[in-house]
């Protein structure tokens, strides 16, 4: 988990024990990884194609950043 989140094992243990709050970026990454593992895709197309998001919006979108098109 630490490798996937780009952190240390000690940090992950601290999150698990409740000694530290999980940073927003790590929490978001965990959710994306879990969702990607599940493999739910809407008709094989990512959400930004279905909705037709402009490029400016995609640059600020975590779903686009992690290529997780089912998390719009």
PDB file of N, CA and C in Angstrom:
ATOM      1  N   UNK A   1       0.829  -1.187   0.000  1.00  0.00           N
ATOM      2  CA  UNK A   1       0.000   0.000   0.000  1.00  0.00           C
ATOM      3  C   UNK A   1       0.873   1.249   0.000  1.00  0.00           C
ATOM      4  N   UNK A   2       1.947   1.208   0.764  1.00  0.00           N
ATOM      5  CA  UNK A   2       2.826   2.372   0.831  1.00  0.00           C
ATOM      6  C   UNK A   2       3.400   2.711  -0.550  1.00  0.00           C
ATOM      7  N   UNK A   3       3.801   1.709  -1.295  1.00  0.00           N
ATOM      8  CA  UNK A   3       4.321   1.950  -2.647  1.00  0.00           C
ATOM      9  C   UNK A   3       3.259   2.544  -3.548  1.00  0.00           C
ATOM     10  N   UNK A   4       2.064   2.017  -3.478  1.00  0.00           N
ATOM     11  CA  UNK A   4       0.983   2.525  -4.322  1.00  0.00           C
ATOM     12  C   UNK A   4       0.638   3.973  -4.007  1.00  0.00           C
ATOM     13  N   UNK A   5       0.764   4.351  -2.743  1.00  0.00           N
ATOM     14  CA  UNK A   5       0.443   5.713  -2.334  1.00  0.00           C
ATOM     15  C   UNK A   5       1.640   6.657  -2.434  1.00  0.00           C
ATOM     16  N   UNK A   6       2.809   6.102  -2.700  1.00  0.00           N
ATOM     17  CA  UNK A   6       4.000   6.924  -2.790  1.00  0.00           C
ATOM     18  C   UNK A   6       4.473   7.417  -1.430  1.00  0.00           C
ATOM     19  N   UNK A   7       4.217   6.630  -0.398  1.00  0.00           N
ATOM     20  CA  UNK A   7       4.613   7.007   0.958  1.00  0.00           C
ATOM     21  C   UNK A   7       5.392   5.907   1.636  1.00  0.00           C
ATOM     22  N   UNK A   8       5.538   6.050   2.928  1.00  0.00           N
ATOM     23  CA  UNK A   8       6.299   5.064   3.686  1.00  0.00           C
ATOM     24  C   UNK A   8       5.369   4.082   4.402  1.00  0.00           C
ATOM     25  N   UNK A   9       5.924   2.943   4.772  1.00  0.00           N
ATOM     26  CA  UNK A   9       5.167   1.952   5.536  1.00  0.00           C
ATOM     27  C   UNK A   9       4.760   2.540   6.882  1.00  0.00           C
ATOM     28  N   UNK A  10       5.645   3.303   7.475  1.00  0.00           N
ATOM     29  CA  UNK A  10       5.350   3.938   8.764  1.00  0.00           C
ATOM     30  C   UNK A  10       4.148   4.889   8.665  1.00  0.00           C
ATOM     31  N   UNK A  11       4.063   5.627   7.576  1.00  0.00           N
ATOM     32  CA  UNK A  11       2.931   6.533   7.377  1.00  0.00           C
ATOM     33  C   UNK A  11       1.625   5.750   7.262  1.00  0.00           C
ATOM     34  N   UNK A  12       1.639   4.659   6.494  1.00  0.00           N
ATOM     35  CA  UNK A  12       0.434   3.841   6.333  1.00  0.00           C
ATOM     36  C   UNK A  12       0.016   3.244   7.676  1.00  0.00           C
ATOM     37  N   UNK A  13       0.970   2.782   8.463  1.00  0.00           N
ATOM     38  CA  UNK A  13       0.647   2.262   9.794  1.00  0.00           C
ATOM     39  C   UNK A  13       0.007   3.345  10.664  1.00  0.00           C
ATOM     40  N   UNK A  14       0.525   4.549  10.550  1.00  0.00           N
ATOM     41  CA  UNK A  14      -0.026   5.664  11.323  1.00  0.00           C
ATOM     42  C   UNK A  14      -1.466   5.963  10.915  1.00  0.00           C
ATOM     43  N   UNK A  15      -1.767   5.863   9.627  1.00  0.00           N
ATOM     44  CA  UNK A  15      -3.149   6.058   9.159  1.00  0.00           C
ATOM     45  C   UNK A  15      -4.042   4.957   9.727  1.00  0.00           C
ATOM     46  N   UNK A  16      -3.555   3.708   9.646  1.00  0.00           N
ATOM     47  CA  UNK A  16      -4.347   2.568  10.109  1.00  0.00           C
ATOM     48  C   UNK A  16      -4.630   2.637  11.604  1.00  0.00           C
ATOM     49  N   UNK A  17      -3.665   3.100  12.370  1.00  0.00           N
ATOM     50  CA  UNK A  17      -3.824   3.175  13.824  1.00  0.00           C
ATOM     51  C   UNK A  17      -4.578   4.431  14.267  1.00  0.00           C
ATOM     52  N   UNK A  18      -4.788   5.355  13.355  1.00  0.00           N
ATOM     53  CA  UNK A  18      -5.487   6.583  13.696  1.00  0.00           C
ATOM     54  C   UNK A  18      -4.600   7.638  14.321  1.00  0.00           C
ATOM     55  N   UNK A  19      -3.289   7.475  14.237  1.00  0.00           N
ATOM     56  CA  UNK A  19      -2.360   8.448  14.799  1.00  0.00           C
ATOM     57  C   UNK A  19      -2.220   9.666  13.897  1.00  0.00           C
ATOM     58  N   UNK A  20      -2.424   9.463  12.603  1.00  0.00           N
ATOM     59  CA  UNK A  20      -2.340  10.550  11.626  1.00  0.00           C
ATOM     60  C   UNK A  20      -3.578  10.515  10.748  1.00  0.00           C
ATOM     61  N   UNK A  21      -3.968  11.681  10.291  1.00  0.00           N
ATOM     62  CA  UNK A  21      -5.063  11.759   9.322  1.00  0.00           C
ATOM     63  C   UNK A  21      -4.523  11.413   7.943  1.00  0.00           C
ATOM     64  N   UNK A  22      -5.331  10.738   7.167  1.00  0.00           N
ATOM     65  CA  UNK A  22      -4.937  10.385   5.808  1.00  0.00           C
ATOM     66  C   UNK A  22      -5.019  11.649   4.953  1.00  0.00           C
ATOM     67  N   UNK A  23      -3.930  12.024   4.281  1.00  0.00           N
ATOM     68  CA  UNK A  23      -3.975  13.201   3.408  1.00  0.00           C
ATOM     69  C   UNK A  23      -4.984  12.985   2.284  1.00  0.00           C
ATOM     70  N   UNK A  24      -5.565  14.066   1.824  1.00  0.00           N
ATOM     71  CA  UNK A  24      -6.604  13.981   0.785  1.00  0.00           C
ATOM     72  C   UNK A  24      -6.096  13.268  -0.464  1.00  0.00           C
ATOM     73  N   UNK A  25      -4.861  13.554  -0.874  1.00  0.00           N
ATOM     74  CA  UNK A  25      -4.345  12.922  -2.100  1.00  0.00           C
ATOM     75  C   UNK A  25      -4.181  11.410  -1.918  1.00  0.00           C
ATOM     76  N   UNK A  26      -3.793  10.970  -0.729  1.00  0.00           N
ATOM     77  CA  UNK A  26      -3.638   9.532  -0.480  1.00  0.00           C
ATOM     78  C   UNK A  26      -4.996   8.844  -0.408  1.00  0.00           C
ATOM     79  N   UNK A  27      -5.962   9.504   0.208  1.00  0.00           N
ATOM     80  CA  UNK A  27      -7.310   8.944   0.286  1.00  0.00           C
ATOM     81  C   UNK A  27      -7.919   8.814  -1.104  1.00  0.00           C
ATOM     82  N   UNK A  28      -7.742   9.851  -1.905  1.00  0.00           N
ATOM     83  CA  UNK A  28      -8.275   9.840  -3.273  1.00  0.00           C
ATOM     84  C   UNK A  28      -7.611   8.732  -4.086  1.00  0.00           C
ATOM     85  N   UNK A  29      -6.289   8.584  -3.938  1.00  0.00           N
ATOM     86  CA  UNK A  29      -5.573   7.534  -4.663  1.00  0.00           C
ATOM     87  C   UNK A  29      -6.082   6.149  -4.264  1.00  0.00           C
ATOM     88  N   UNK A  30      -6.319   5.929  -2.969  1.00  0.00           N
ATOM     89  CA  UNK A  30      -6.832   4.633  -2.512  1.00  0.00           C
ATOM     90  C   UNK A  30      -8.201   4.336  -3.116  1.00  0.00           C
ATOM     91  N   UNK A  31      -9.069   5.340  -3.147  1.00  0.00           N
ATOM     92  CA  UNK A  31     -10.401   5.137  -3.726  1.00  0.00           C
ATOM     93  C   UNK A  31     -10.313   4.808  -5.204  1.00  0.00           C
ATOM     94  N   UNK A  32      -9.446   5.504  -5.925  1.00  0.00           N
ATOM     95  CA  UNK A  32      -9.276   5.219  -7.347  1.00  0.00           C
ATOM     96  C   UNK A  32      -8.733   3.820  -7.566  1.00  0.00           C
ATOM     97  N   UNK A  33      -7.767   3.417  -6.775  1.00  0.00           N
ATOM     98  CA  UNK A  33      -7.203   2.078  -6.914  1.00  0.00           C
ATOM     99  C   UNK A  33      -8.249   1.000  -6.658  1.00  0.00           C
ATOM    100  N   UNK A  34      -9.068   1.209  -5.641  1.00  0.00           N
ATOM    101  CA  UNK A  34     -10.132   0.244  -5.351  1.00  0.00           C
ATOM    102  C   UNK A  34     -11.155   0.187  -6.474  1.00  0.00           C
ATOM    103  N   UNK A  35     -11.518   1.332  -6.990  1.00  0.00           N
ATOM    104  CA  UNK A  35     -12.502   1.367  -8.064  1.00  0.00           C
ATOM    105  C   UNK A  35     -11.948   0.762  -9.341  1.00  0.00           C
ATOM    106  N   UNK A  36     -10.672   1.055  -9.621  1.00  0.00           N
ATOM    107  CA  UNK A  36     -10.053   0.494 -10.813  1.00  0.00           C
ATOM    108  C   UNK A  36      -9.941  -1.026 -10.699  1.00  0.00           C
ATOM    109  N   UNK A  37      -9.675  -1.513  -9.503  1.00  0.00           N
ATOM    110  CA  UNK A  37      -9.581  -2.956  -9.273  1.00  0.00           C
ATOM    111  C   UNK A  37     -10.913  -3.626  -9.564  1.00  0.00           C
ATOM    112  N   UNK A  38     -11.996  -2.964  -9.168  1.00  0.00           N
ATOM    113  CA  UNK A  38     -13.321  -3.514  -9.393  1.00  0.00           C
ATOM    114  C   UNK A  38     -13.620  -3.627 -10.888  1.00  0.00           C
ATOM    115  N   UNK A  39     -13.097  -2.689 -11.687  1.00  0.00           N
ATOM    116  CA  UNK A  39     -13.237  -2.778 -13.143  1.00  0.00           C
ATOM    117  C   UNK A  39     -14.568  -2.322 -13.691  1.00  0.00           C
ATOM    118  N   UNK A  40     -15.263  -1.455 -12.993  1.00  0.00           N
ATOM    119  CA  UNK A  40     -16.537  -0.943 -13.509  1.00  0.00           C
ATOM    120  C   UNK A  40     -16.289   0.161 -14.531  1.00  0.00           C
ATOM    121  N   UNK A  41     -16.702  -0.055 -15.741  1.00  0.00           N
ATOM    122  CA  UNK A  41     -16.628   0.956 -16.784  1.00  0.00           C
ATOM    123  C   UNK A  41     -17.998   1.104 -17.409  1.00  0.00           C
ATOM    124  N   UNK A  42     -18.356   2.309 -17.717  1.00  0.00           N
ATOM    125  CA  UNK A  42     -19.650   2.598 -18.328  1.00  0.00           C
ATOM    126  C   UNK A  42     -19.528   2.374 -19.829  1.00  0.00           C
ATOM    127  N   UNK A  43     -20.045   1.262 -20.315  1.00  0.00           N
ATOM    128  CA  UNK A  43     -20.017   0.936 -21.735  1.00  0.00           C
ATOM    129  C   UNK A  43     -18.617   1.044 -22.339  1.00  0.00           C
ATOM    130  N   UNK A  44     -17.592   0.865 -21.537  1.00  0.00           N
ATOM    131  CA  UNK A  44     -16.232   0.920 -22.028  1.00  0.00           C
ATOM    132  C   UNK A  44     -15.701   2.315 -22.273  1.00  0.00           C
ATOM    133  N   UNK A  45     -16.491   3.354 -22.041  1.00  0.00           N
ATOM    134  CA  UNK A  45     -16.055   4.727 -22.273  1.00  0.00           C
ATOM    135  C   UNK A  45     -15.843   5.440 -20.946  1.00  0.00           C
ATOM    136  N   UNK A  46     -14.790   6.248 -20.853  1.00  0.00           N
ATOM    137  CA  UNK A  46     -14.610   7.042 -19.631  1.00  0.00           C
ATOM    138  C   UNK A  46     -15.640   8.167 -19.571  1.00  0.00           C
ATOM    139  N   UNK A  47     -15.902   8.621 -18.361  1.00  0.00           N
ATOM    140  CA  UNK A  47     -16.958   9.611 -18.148  1.00  0.00           C
ATOM    141  C   UNK A  47     -16.707  10.910 -18.899  1.00  0.00           C
ATOM    142  N   UNK A  48     -15.439  11.330 -19.021  1.00  0.00           N
ATOM    143  CA  UNK A  48     -15.174  12.602 -19.696  1.00  0.00           C
ATOM    144  C   UNK A  48     -15.529  12.555 -21.168  1.00  0.00           C
ATOM    145  N   UNK A  49     -15.527  11.365 -21.771  1.00  0.00           N
ATOM    146  CA  UNK A  49     -15.995  11.235 -23.159  1.00  0.00           C
ATOM    147  C   UNK A  49     -17.513  11.232 -23.216  1.00  0.00           C
ATOM    148  N   UNK A  50     -18.148  10.574 -22.268  1.00  0.00           N
ATOM    149  CA  UNK A  50     -19.614  10.523 -22.238  1.00  0.00           C
ATOM    150  C   UNK A  50     -20.193  11.910 -22.002  1.00  0.00           C
ATOM    151  N   UNK A  51     -19.605  12.649 -21.042  1.00  0.00           N
ATOM    152  CA  UNK A  51     -20.100  13.980 -20.693  1.00  0.00           C
ATOM    153  C   UNK A  51     -19.606  15.032 -21.685  1.00  0.00           C
ATOM    154  N   UNK A  52     -18.439  14.806 -22.274  1.00  0.00           N
ATOM    155  CA  UNK A  52     -17.859  15.771 -23.204  1.00  0.00           C
ATOM    156  C   UNK A  52     -17.136  16.901 -22.488  1.00  0.00           C
ATOM    157  N   UNK A  53     -16.344  16.570 -21.488  1.00  0.00           N
ATOM    158  CA  UNK A  53     -15.634  17.582 -20.698  1.00  0.00           C
ATOM    159  C   UNK A  53     -14.608  18.319 -21.554  1.00  0.00           C
ATOM    160  N   UNK A  54     -14.526  19.639 -21.402  1.00  0.00           N
ATOM    161  CA  UNK A  54     -13.476  20.383 -22.105  1.00  0.00           C
ATOM    162  C   UNK A  54     -12.109  20.114 -21.470  1.00  0.00           C
ATOM    163  N   UNK A  55     -11.043  20.382 -22.224  1.00  0.00           N
ATOM    164  CA  UNK A  55      -9.686  20.107 -21.743  1.00  0.00           C
ATOM    165  C   UNK A  55      -9.365  20.850 -20.456  1.00  0.00           C
ATOM    166  N   UNK A  56      -9.833  22.076 -20.309  1.00  0.00           N
ATOM    167  CA  UNK A  56      -9.555  22.855 -19.099  1.00  0.00           C
ATOM    168  C   UNK A  56     -10.128  22.172 -17.865  1.00  0.00           C
ATOM    169  N   UNK A  57     -11.279  21.570 -17.990  1.00  0.00           N
ATOM    170  CA  UNK A  57     -11.902  20.867 -16.868  1.00  0.00           C
ATOM    171  C   UNK A  57     -11.176  19.560 -16.575  1.00  0.00           C
ATOM    172  N   UNK A  58     -10.727  18.878 -17.612  1.00  0.00           N
ATOM    173  CA  UNK A  58     -10.010  17.609 -17.428  1.00  0.00           C
ATOM    174  C   UNK A  58      -8.716  17.788 -16.639  1.00  0.00           C
ATOM    175  N   UNK A  59      -8.034  18.901 -16.848  1.00  0.00           N
ATOM    176  CA  UNK A  59      -6.764  19.136 -16.165  1.00  0.00           C
ATOM    177  C   UNK A  59      -6.924  19.220 -14.651  1.00  0.00           C
ATOM    178  N   UNK A  60      -8.109  19.581 -14.173  1.00  0.00           N
ATOM    179  CA  UNK A  60      -8.371  19.676 -12.736  1.00  0.00           C
ATOM    180  C   UNK A  60      -9.170  18.496 -12.205  1.00  0.00           C
ATOM    181  N   UNK A  61      -9.345  17.480 -13.019  1.00  0.00           N
ATOM    182  CA  UNK A  61     -10.192  16.345 -12.656  1.00  0.00           C
ATOM    183  C   UNK A  61      -9.344  15.157 -12.192  1.00  0.00           C
ATOM    184  N   UNK A  62      -9.536  14.701 -10.944  1.00  0.00           N
ATOM    185  CA  UNK A  62      -8.761  13.541 -10.485  1.00  0.00           C
ATOM    186  C   UNK A  62      -9.116  12.260 -11.242  1.00  0.00           C
ATOM    187  N   UNK A  63     -10.347  12.121 -11.707  1.00  0.00           N
ATOM    188  CA  UNK A  63     -10.714  10.931 -12.476  1.00  0.00           C
ATOM    189  C   UNK A  63      -9.908  10.875 -13.772  1.00  0.00           C
ATOM    190  N   UNK A  64      -9.742  12.009 -14.428  1.00  0.00           N
ATOM    191  CA  UNK A  64      -8.957  12.057 -15.661  1.00  0.00           C
ATOM    192  C   UNK A  64      -7.482  11.833 -15.366  1.00  0.00           C
ATOM    193  N   UNK A  65      -6.995  12.425 -14.273  1.00  0.00           N
ATOM    194  CA  UNK A  65      -5.584  12.304 -13.898  1.00  0.00           C
ATOM    195  C   UNK A  65      -5.179  10.851 -13.688  1.00  0.00           C
ATOM    196  N   UNK A  66      -6.055  10.073 -13.040  1.00  0.00           N
ATOM    197  CA  UNK A  66      -5.743   8.677 -12.748  1.00  0.00           C
ATOM    198  C   UNK A  66      -6.367   7.716 -13.755  1.00  0.00           C
ATOM    199  N   UNK A  67      -6.920   8.268 -14.838  1.00  0.00           N
ATOM    200  CA  UNK A  67      -7.565   7.459 -15.881  1.00  0.00           C
ATOM    201  C   UNK A  67      -8.617   6.527 -15.273  1.00  0.00           C
ATOM    202  N   UNK A  68      -9.435   7.097 -14.402  1.00  0.00           N
ATOM    203  CA  UNK A  68     -10.499   6.346 -13.725  1.00  0.00           C
ATOM    204  C   UNK A  68     -11.832   6.923 -14.147  1.00  0.00           C
ATOM    205  N   UNK A  69     -12.225   6.684 -15.367  1.00  0.00           N
ATOM    206  CA  UNK A  69     -13.382   7.310 -15.966  1.00  0.00           C
ATOM    207  C   UNK A  69     -14.724   6.963 -15.370  1.00  0.00           C
ATOM    208  N   UNK A  70     -14.772   6.086 -14.391  1.00  0.00           N
ATOM    209  CA  UNK A  70     -16.065   5.776 -13.770  1.00  0.00           C
ATOM    210  C   UNK A  70     -16.297   6.572 -12.497  1.00  0.00           C
ATOM    211  N   UNK A  71     -15.369   7.474 -12.168  1.00  0.00           N
ATOM    212  CA  UNK A  71     -15.465   8.181 -10.891  1.00  0.00           C
ATOM    213  C   UNK A  71     -15.890   9.632 -11.015  1.00  0.00           C
ATOM    214  N   UNK A  72     -16.537  10.012 -12.077  1.00  0.00           N
ATOM    215  CA  UNK A  72     -16.980  11.403 -12.220  1.00  0.00           C
ATOM    216  C   UNK A  72     -17.931  11.812 -11.116  1.00  0.00           C
TER     217      UNK A  72
END
